[in-house]
Amino acid sequence: MLLGENGCGKSTILRSVALLMAGSNALPELLGNPDTWIRIGKNSCLFRANLITAAGEQRTIEFTLRRGDRMLDVFERN
């Protein structure tokens, strides 16, 4: 459960989890305009998650966006 005031980032957290866990076919629809994910005054953003497999092994996944990215740029970098 996520609780918080309006505008504190609850939806952003859920959308970020969806981006990290979705396959590449769903990425364009979930991502939309990459610039909207980047904080004003910054040039990029990084999504990172640490996962534990069923076998107990730790895995880290990352996803980077840069201001001005086209969808092709996002796919090539990530």
PDB file of N, CA and C in Angstrom:
ATOM      1  N   MET A   1       0.840  -1.151   0.000  1.00  0.00           N
ATOM      2  CA  MET A   1       0.000   0.000   0.000  1.00  0.00           C
ATOM      3  C   MET A   1       0.897   1.229   0.000  1.00  0.00           C
ATOM      4  N   LEU A   2       0.564   2.197  -0.842  1.00  0.00           N
ATOM      5  CA  LEU A   2       1.277   3.470  -0.876  1.00  0.00           C
ATOM      6  C   LEU A   2       0.337   4.566  -0.418  1.00  0.00           C
ATOM      7  N   LEU A   3       0.754   5.313   0.569  1.00  0.00           N
ATOM      8  CA  LEU A   3      -0.036   6.434   1.065  1.00  0.00           C
ATOM      9  C   LEU A   3       0.799   7.691   0.994  1.00  0.00           C
ATOM     10  N   GLY A   4       0.146   8.800   0.688  1.00  0.00           N
ATOM     11  CA  GLY A   4       0.852  10.067   0.676  1.00  0.00           C
ATOM     12  C   GLY A   4      -0.018  11.164   0.120  1.00  0.00           C
ATOM     13  N   GLU A   5       0.420  12.374   0.314  1.00  0.00           N
ATOM     14  CA  GLU A   5      -0.284  13.540  -0.194  1.00  0.00           C
ATOM     15  C   GLU A   5      -0.250  13.550  -1.723  1.00  0.00           C
ATOM     16  N   ASN A   6      -1.172  14.281  -2.320  1.00  0.00           N
ATOM     17  CA  ASN A   6      -1.169  14.451  -3.772  1.00  0.00           C
ATOM     18  C   ASN A   6       0.145  15.085  -4.207  1.00  0.00           C
ATOM     19  N   GLY A   7       0.720  14.549  -5.287  1.00  0.00           N
ATOM     20  CA  GLY A   7       1.936  15.121  -5.844  1.00  0.00           C
ATOM     21  C   GLY A   7       3.221  14.670  -5.188  1.00  0.00           C
ATOM     22  N   CYS A   8       3.165  13.681  -4.289  1.00  0.00           N
ATOM     23  CA  CYS A   8       4.402  13.266  -3.606  1.00  0.00           C
ATOM     24  C   CYS A   8       5.134  12.141  -4.332  1.00  0.00           C
ATOM     25  N   GLY A   9       4.530  11.548  -5.399  1.00  0.00           N
ATOM     26  CA  GLY A   9       5.252  10.572  -6.200  1.00  0.00           C
ATOM     27  C   GLY A   9       4.724   9.149  -6.175  1.00  0.00           C
ATOM     28  N   LYS A  10       3.554   8.917  -5.605  1.00  0.00           N
ATOM     29  CA  LYS A  10       3.014   7.550  -5.539  1.00  0.00           C
ATOM     30  C   LYS A  10       2.830   6.953  -6.936  1.00  0.00           C
ATOM     31  N   SER A  11       2.215   7.695  -7.826  1.00  0.00           N
ATOM     32  CA  SER A  11       1.987   7.194  -9.186  1.00  0.00           C
ATOM     33  C   SER A  11       3.295   7.020  -9.948  1.00  0.00           C
ATOM     34  N   THR A  12       4.240   7.900  -9.715  1.00  0.00           N
ATOM     35  CA  THR A  12       5.540   7.792 -10.371  1.00  0.00           C
ATOM     36  C   THR A  12       6.248   6.505  -9.959  1.00  0.00           C
ATOM     37  N   ILE A  13       6.144   6.134  -8.707  1.00  0.00           N
ATOM     38  CA  ILE A  13       6.750   4.885  -8.234  1.00  0.00           C
ATOM     39  C   ILE A  13       6.127   3.700  -8.962  1.00  0.00           C
ATOM     40  N   LEU A  14       4.808   3.667  -9.037  1.00  0.00           N
ATOM     41  CA  LEU A  14       4.131   2.553  -9.705  1.00  0.00           C
ATOM     42  C   LEU A  14       4.445   2.507 -11.199  1.00  0.00           C
ATOM     43  N   ARG A  15       4.482   3.665 -11.848  1.00  0.00           N
ATOM     44  CA  ARG A  15       4.830   3.715 -13.273  1.00  0.00           C
ATOM     45  C   ARG A  15       6.277   3.274 -13.490  1.00  0.00           C
ATOM     46  N   SER A  16       7.170   3.623 -12.573  1.00  0.00           N
ATOM     47  CA  SER A  16       8.575   3.221 -12.677  1.00  0.00           C
ATOM     48  C   SER A  16       8.730   1.714 -12.564  1.00  0.00           C
ATOM     49  N   VAL A  17       8.010   1.109 -11.648  1.00  0.00           N
ATOM     50  CA  VAL A  17       8.043  -0.351 -11.509  1.00  0.00           C
ATOM     51  C   VAL A  17       7.551  -0.995 -12.798  1.00  0.00           C
ATOM     52  N   ALA A  18       6.485  -0.463 -13.371  1.00  0.00           N
ATOM     53  CA  ALA A  18       5.965  -0.998 -14.635  1.00  0.00           C
ATOM     54  C   ALA A  18       7.009  -0.902 -15.743  1.00  0.00           C
ATOM     55  N   LEU A  19       7.725   0.226 -15.831  1.00  0.00           N
ATOM     56  CA  LEU A  19       8.769   0.384 -16.851  1.00  0.00           C
ATOM     57  C   LEU A  19       9.867  -0.653 -16.685  1.00  0.00           C
ATOM     58  N   LEU A  20      10.291  -0.877 -15.459  1.00  0.00           N
ATOM     59  CA  LEU A  20      11.380  -1.815 -15.209  1.00  0.00           C
ATOM     60  C   LEU A  20      10.974  -3.263 -15.481  1.00  0.00           C
ATOM     61  N   MET A  21       9.738  -3.597 -15.204  1.00  0.00           N
ATOM     62  CA  MET A  21       9.307  -4.987 -15.291  1.00  0.00           C
ATOM     63  C   MET A  21       8.678  -5.353 -16.635  1.00  0.00           C
ATOM     64  N   ALA A  22       8.260  -4.378 -17.400  1.00  0.00           N
ATOM     65  CA  ALA A  22       7.580  -4.653 -18.670  1.00  0.00           C
ATOM     66  C   ALA A  22       8.585  -5.084 -19.730  1.00  0.00           C
ATOM     67  N   GLY A  23       8.131  -5.830 -20.668  1.00  0.00           N
ATOM     68  CA  GLY A  23       8.969  -6.210 -21.799  1.00  0.00           C
ATOM     69  C   GLY A  23       9.099  -5.055 -22.778  1.00  0.00           C
ATOM     70  N   SER A  24       9.990  -5.195 -23.723  1.00  0.00           N
ATOM     71  CA  SER A  24      10.251  -4.106 -24.667  1.00  0.00           C
ATOM     72  C   SER A  24       9.041  -3.783 -25.542  1.00  0.00           C
ATOM     73  N   ASN A  25       8.124  -4.727 -25.751  1.00  0.00           N
ATOM     74  CA  ASN A  25       6.934  -4.444 -26.556  1.00  0.00           C
ATOM     75  C   ASN A  25       6.024  -3.432 -25.872  1.00  0.00           C
ATOM     76  N   ALA A  26       5.986  -3.429 -24.556  1.00  0.00           N
ATOM     77  CA  ALA A  26       5.122  -2.516 -23.805  1.00  0.00           C
ATOM     78  C   ALA A  26       5.786  -1.170 -23.528  1.00  0.00           C
ATOM     79  N   LEU A  27       7.084  -1.080 -23.717  1.00  0.00           N
ATOM     80  CA  LEU A  27       7.827   0.121 -23.347  1.00  0.00           C
ATOM     81  C   LEU A  27       7.302   1.405 -23.993  1.00  0.00           C
ATOM     82  N   PRO A  28       7.084   1.451 -25.309  1.00  0.00           N
ATOM     83  CA  PRO A  28       6.635   2.724 -25.900  1.00  0.00           C
ATOM     84  C   PRO A  28       5.337   3.249 -25.296  1.00  0.00           C
ATOM     85  N   GLU A  29       4.401   2.355 -25.030  1.00  0.00           N
ATOM     86  CA  GLU A  29       3.125   2.786 -24.465  1.00  0.00           C
ATOM     87  C   GLU A  29       3.280   3.267 -23.026  1.00  0.00           C
ATOM     88  N   LEU A  30       4.078   2.574 -22.234  1.00  0.00           N
ATOM     89  CA  LEU A  30       4.284   2.967 -20.841  1.00  0.00           C
ATOM     90  C   LEU A  30       5.136   4.224 -20.715  1.00  0.00           C
ATOM     91  N   LEU A  31       6.109   4.361 -21.597  1.00  0.00           N
ATOM     92  CA  LEU A  31       7.066   5.452 -21.497  1.00  0.00           C
ATOM     93  C   LEU A  31       6.490   6.781 -21.956  1.00  0.00           C
ATOM     94  N   GLY A  32       5.801   6.771 -23.098  1.00  0.00           N
ATOM     95  CA  GLY A  32       5.312   8.039 -23.638  1.00  0.00           C
ATOM     96  C   GLY A  32       6.486   8.910 -24.048  1.00  0.00           C
ATOM     97  N   ASN A  33       6.456  10.178 -23.669  1.00  0.00           N
ATOM     98  CA  ASN A  33       7.546  11.112 -23.960  1.00  0.00           C
ATOM     99  C   ASN A  33       8.609  10.971 -22.871  1.00  0.00           C
ATOM    100  N   PRO A  34       9.818  10.500 -23.217  1.00  0.00           N
ATOM    101  CA  PRO A  34      10.855  10.300 -22.201  1.00  0.00           C
ATOM    102  C   PRO A  34      11.158  11.540 -21.360  1.00  0.00           C
ATOM    103  N   ASP A  35      11.047  12.724 -21.945  1.00  0.00           N
ATOM    104  CA  ASP A  35      11.379  13.939 -21.199  1.00  0.00           C
ATOM    105  C   ASP A  35      10.470  14.172 -19.994  1.00  0.00           C
ATOM    106  N   THR A  36       9.250  13.644 -20.033  1.00  0.00           N
ATOM    107  CA  THR A  36       8.333  13.869 -18.907  1.00  0.00           C
ATOM    108  C   THR A  36       8.753  13.118 -17.657  1.00  0.00           C
ATOM    109  N   TRP A  37       9.644  12.156 -17.781  1.00  0.00           N
ATOM    110  CA  TRP A  37      10.135  11.388 -16.635  1.00  0.00           C
ATOM    111  C   TRP A  37      11.320  12.069 -15.947  1.00  0.00           C
ATOM    112  N   ILE A  38      11.923  13.035 -16.624  1.00  0.00           N
ATOM    113  CA  ILE A  38      13.164  13.642 -16.129  1.00  0.00           C
ATOM    114  C   ILE A  38      12.843  14.918 -15.351  1.00  0.00           C
ATOM    115  N   ARG A  39      13.393  15.015 -14.164  1.00  0.00           N
ATOM    116  CA  ARG A  39      13.161  16.171 -13.296  1.00  0.00           C
ATOM    117  C   ARG A  39      13.618  17.451 -13.994  1.00  0.00           C
ATOM    118  N   ILE A  40      12.869  18.520 -13.805  1.00  0.00           N
ATOM    119  CA  ILE A  40      13.210  19.820 -14.377  1.00  0.00           C
ATOM    120  C   ILE A  40      14.597  20.228 -13.884  1.00  0.00           C
ATOM    121  N   GLY A  41      15.427  20.674 -14.814  1.00  0.00           N
ATOM    122  CA  GLY A  41      16.797  21.079 -14.480  1.00  0.00           C
ATOM    123  C   GLY A  41      17.816  19.956 -14.568  1.00  0.00           C
ATOM    124  N   LYS A  42      17.371  18.733 -14.838  1.00  0.00           N
ATOM    125  CA  LYS A  42      18.274  17.590 -14.978  1.00  0.00           C
ATOM    126  C   LYS A  42      18.294  17.128 -16.432  1.00  0.00           C
ATOM    127  N   ASN A  43      19.361  16.427 -16.819  1.00  0.00           N
ATOM    128  CA  ASN A  43      19.507  15.955 -18.194  1.00  0.00           C
ATOM    129  C   ASN A  43      19.186  14.480 -18.381  1.00  0.00           C
ATOM    130  N   SER A  44      19.062  13.736 -17.279  1.00  0.00           N
ATOM    131  CA  SER A  44      18.802  12.307 -17.392  1.00  0.00           C
ATOM    132  C   SER A  44      18.166  11.781 -16.107  1.00  0.00           C
ATOM    133  N   CYS A  45      17.700  10.552 -16.189  1.00  0.00           N
ATOM    134  CA  CYS A  45      17.203   9.872 -14.994  1.00  0.00           C
ATOM    135  C   CYS A  45      17.546   8.391 -15.099  1.00  0.00           C
ATOM    136  N   LEU A  46      17.647   7.758 -13.958  1.00  0.00           N
ATOM    137  CA  LEU A  46      18.007   6.352 -13.876  1.00  0.00           C
ATOM    138  C   LEU A  46      16.971   5.633 -13.029  1.00  0.00           C
ATOM    139  N   PHE A  47      16.468   4.530 -13.547  1.00  0.00           N
ATOM    140  CA  PHE A  47      15.587   3.643 -12.800  1.00  0.00           C
ATOM    141  C   PHE A  47      16.418   2.418 -12.455  1.00  0.00           C
ATOM    142  N   ARG A  48      16.373   1.990 -11.210  1.00  0.00           N
ATOM    143  CA  ARG A  48      17.150   0.822 -10.796  1.00  0.00           C
ATOM    144  C   ARG A  48      16.326   0.015  -9.795  1.00  0.00           C
ATOM    145  N   ALA A  49      16.379  -1.307  -9.958  1.00  0.00           N
ATOM    146  CA  ALA A  49      15.688  -2.186  -9.015  1.00  0.00           C
ATOM    147  C   ALA A  49      16.584  -3.373  -8.708  1.00  0.00           C
ATOM    148  N   ASN A  50      16.569  -3.797  -7.457  1.00  0.00           N
ATOM    149  CA  ASN A  50      17.254  -5.014  -7.025  1.00  0.00           C
ATOM    150  C   ASN A  50      16.191  -6.081  -6.825  1.00  0.00           C
ATOM    151  N   LEU A  51      16.344  -7.192  -7.530  1.00  0.00           N
ATOM    152  CA  LEU A  51      15.375  -8.280  -7.487  1.00  0.00           C
ATOM    153  C   LEU A  51      16.026  -9.525  -6.917  1.00  0.00           C
ATOM    154  N   ILE A  52      15.226 -10.373  -6.326  1.00  0.00           N
ATOM    155  CA  ILE A  52      15.691 -11.659  -5.832  1.00  0.00           C
ATOM    156  C   ILE A  52      14.970 -12.744  -6.617  1.00  0.00           C
ATOM    157  N   THR A  53      15.737 -13.649  -7.234  1.00  0.00           N
ATOM    158  CA  THR A  53      15.140 -14.729  -8.020  1.00  0.00           C
ATOM    159  C   THR A  53      14.555 -15.791  -7.094  1.00  0.00           C
ATOM    160  N   ALA A  54      13.797 -16.712  -7.687  1.00  0.00           N
ATOM    161  CA  ALA A  54      13.222 -17.811  -6.911  1.00  0.00           C
ATOM    162  C   ALA A  54      14.322 -18.650  -6.257  1.00  0.00           C
ATOM    163  N   ALA A  55      15.509 -18.671  -6.874  1.00  0.00           N
ATOM    164  CA  ALA A  55      16.646 -19.422  -6.332  1.00  0.00           C
ATOM    165  C   ALA A  55      17.421 -18.616  -5.282  1.00  0.00           C
ATOM    166  N   GLY A  56      16.950 -17.393  -4.984  1.00  0.00           N
ATOM    167  CA  GLY A  56      17.604 -16.575  -3.973  1.00  0.00           C
ATOM    168  C   GLY A  56      18.772 -15.754  -4.478  1.00  0.00           C
ATOM    169  N   GLU A  57      18.964 -15.694  -5.803  1.00  0.00           N
ATOM    170  CA  GLU A  57      20.054 -14.903  -6.370  1.00  0.00           C
ATOM    171  C   GLU A  57      19.594 -13.469  -6.586  1.00  0.00           C
ATOM    172  N   GLN A  58      20.497 -12.530  -6.313  1.00  0.00           N
ATOM    173  CA  GLN A  58      20.166 -11.122  -6.499  1.00  0.00           C
ATOM    174  C   GLN A  58      20.470 -10.685  -7.919  1.00  0.00           C
ATOM    175  N   ARG A  59      19.560  -9.924  -8.499  1.00  0.00           N
ATOM    176  CA  ARG A  59      19.724  -9.359  -9.836  1.00  0.00           C
ATOM    177  C   ARG A  59      19.419  -7.865  -9.764  1.00  0.00           C
ATOM    178  N   THR A  60      20.188  -7.062 -10.490  1.00  0.00           N
ATOM    179  CA  THR A  60      19.937  -5.625 -10.579  1.00  0.00           C
ATOM    180  C   THR A  60      19.566  -5.301 -12.013  1.00  0.00           C
ATOM    181  N   ILE A  61      18.477  -4.558 -12.180  1.00  0.00           N
ATOM    182  CA  ILE A  61      18.097  -4.090 -13.510  1.00  0.00           C
ATOM    183  C   ILE A  61      18.103  -2.571 -13.498  1.00  0.00           C
ATOM    184  N   GLU A  62      18.523  -1.980 -14.622  1.00  0.00           N
ATOM    185  CA  GLU A  62      18.602  -0.526 -14.731  1.00  0.00           C
ATOM    186  C   GLU A  62      18.025  -0.075 -16.066  1.00  0.00           C
ATOM    187  N   PHE A  63      17.566   1.155 -16.058  1.00  0.00           N
ATOM    188  CA  PHE A  63      16.968   1.755 -17.236  1.00  0.00           C
ATOM    189  C   PHE A  63      17.301   3.238 -17.191  1.00  0.00           C
ATOM    190  N   THR A  64      17.917   3.788 -18.235  1.00  0.00           N
ATOM    191  CA  THR A  64      18.335   5.188 -18.251  1.00  0.00           C
ATOM    192  C   THR A  64      17.624   5.948 -19.365  1.00  0.00           C
ATOM    193  N   LEU A  65      17.198   7.150 -19.048  1.00  0.00           N
ATOM    194  CA  LEU A  65      16.614   8.055 -20.032  1.00  0.00           C
ATOM    195  C   LEU A  65      17.424   9.339 -20.050  1.00  0.00           C
ATOM    196  N   ARG A  66      17.583   9.910 -21.234  1.00  0.00           N
ATOM    197  CA  ARG A  66      18.264  11.204 -21.367  1.00  0.00           C
ATOM    198  C   ARG A  66      17.333  12.178 -22.063  1.00  0.00           C
ATOM    199  N   ARG A  67      17.413  13.432 -21.651  1.00  0.00           N
ATOM    200  CA  ARG A  67      16.562  14.455 -22.247  1.00  0.00           C
ATOM    201  C   ARG A  67      16.769  14.474 -23.767  1.00  0.00           C
ATOM    202  N   GLY A  68      15.656  14.525 -24.499  1.00  0.00           N
ATOM    203  CA  GLY A  68      15.709  14.554 -25.954  1.00  0.00           C
ATOM    204  C   GLY A  68      15.753  13.180 -26.599  1.00  0.00           C
ATOM    205  N   ASP A  69      15.739  12.110 -25.802  1.00  0.00           N
ATOM    206  CA  ASP A  69      15.769  10.753 -26.353  1.00  0.00           C
ATOM    207  C   ASP A  69      14.596  10.493 -27.288  1.00  0.00           C
ATOM    208  N   ARG A  70      14.898   9.777 -28.363  1.00  0.00           N
ATOM    209  CA  ARG A  70      13.855   9.183 -29.200  1.00  0.00           C
ATOM    210  C   ARG A  70      13.714   7.744 -28.733  1.00  0.00           C
ATOM    211  N   MET A  71      12.631   7.096 -29.115  1.00  0.00           N
ATOM    212  CA  MET A  71      12.413   5.721 -28.673  1.00  0.00           C
ATOM    213  C   MET A  71      13.571   4.830 -29.116  1.00  0.00           C
ATOM    214  N   LEU A  72      14.101   5.046 -30.305  1.00  0.00           N
ATOM    215  CA  LEU A  72      15.239   4.255 -30.777  1.00  0.00           C
ATOM    216  C   LEU A  72      16.444   4.434 -29.858  1.00  0.00           C
ATOM    217  N   ASP A  73      16.699   5.660 -29.399  1.00  0.00           N
ATOM    218  CA  ASP A  73      17.808   5.904 -28.473  1.00  0.00           C
ATOM    219  C   ASP A  73      17.621   5.130 -27.172  1.00  0.00           C
ATOM    220  N   VAL A  74      16.393   5.105 -26.687  1.00  0.00           N
ATOM    221  CA  VAL A  74      16.094   4.392 -25.434  1.00  0.00           C
ATOM    222  C   VAL A  74      16.370   2.915 -25.596  1.00  0.00           C
ATOM    223  N   PHE A  75      15.906   2.324 -26.700  1.00  0.00           N
ATOM    224  CA  PHE A  75      16.111   0.901 -26.934  1.00  0.00           C
ATOM    225  C   PHE A  75      17.593   0.567 -27.101  1.00  0.00           C
ATOM    226  N   GLU A  76      18.320   1.381 -27.839  1.00  0.00           N
ATOM    227  CA  GLU A  76      19.742   1.094 -28.067  1.00  0.00           C
ATOM    228  C   GLU A  76      20.558   1.164 -26.790  1.00  0.00           C
ATOM    229  N   ARG A  77      20.256   2.119 -25.913  1.00  0.00           N
ATOM    230  CA  ARG A  77      21.029   2.294 -24.687  1.00  0.00           C
ATOM    231  C   ARG A  77      20.668   1.254 -23.635  1.00  0.00           C
ATOM    232  N   ASN A  78      19.430   0.833 -23.625  1.00  0.00           N
ATOM    233  CA  ASN A  78      18.978  -0.044 -22.554  1.00  0.00           C
ATOM    234  C   ASN A  78      18.771  -1.461 -23.042  1.00  0.00           C
TER     235      ASN A  78
END
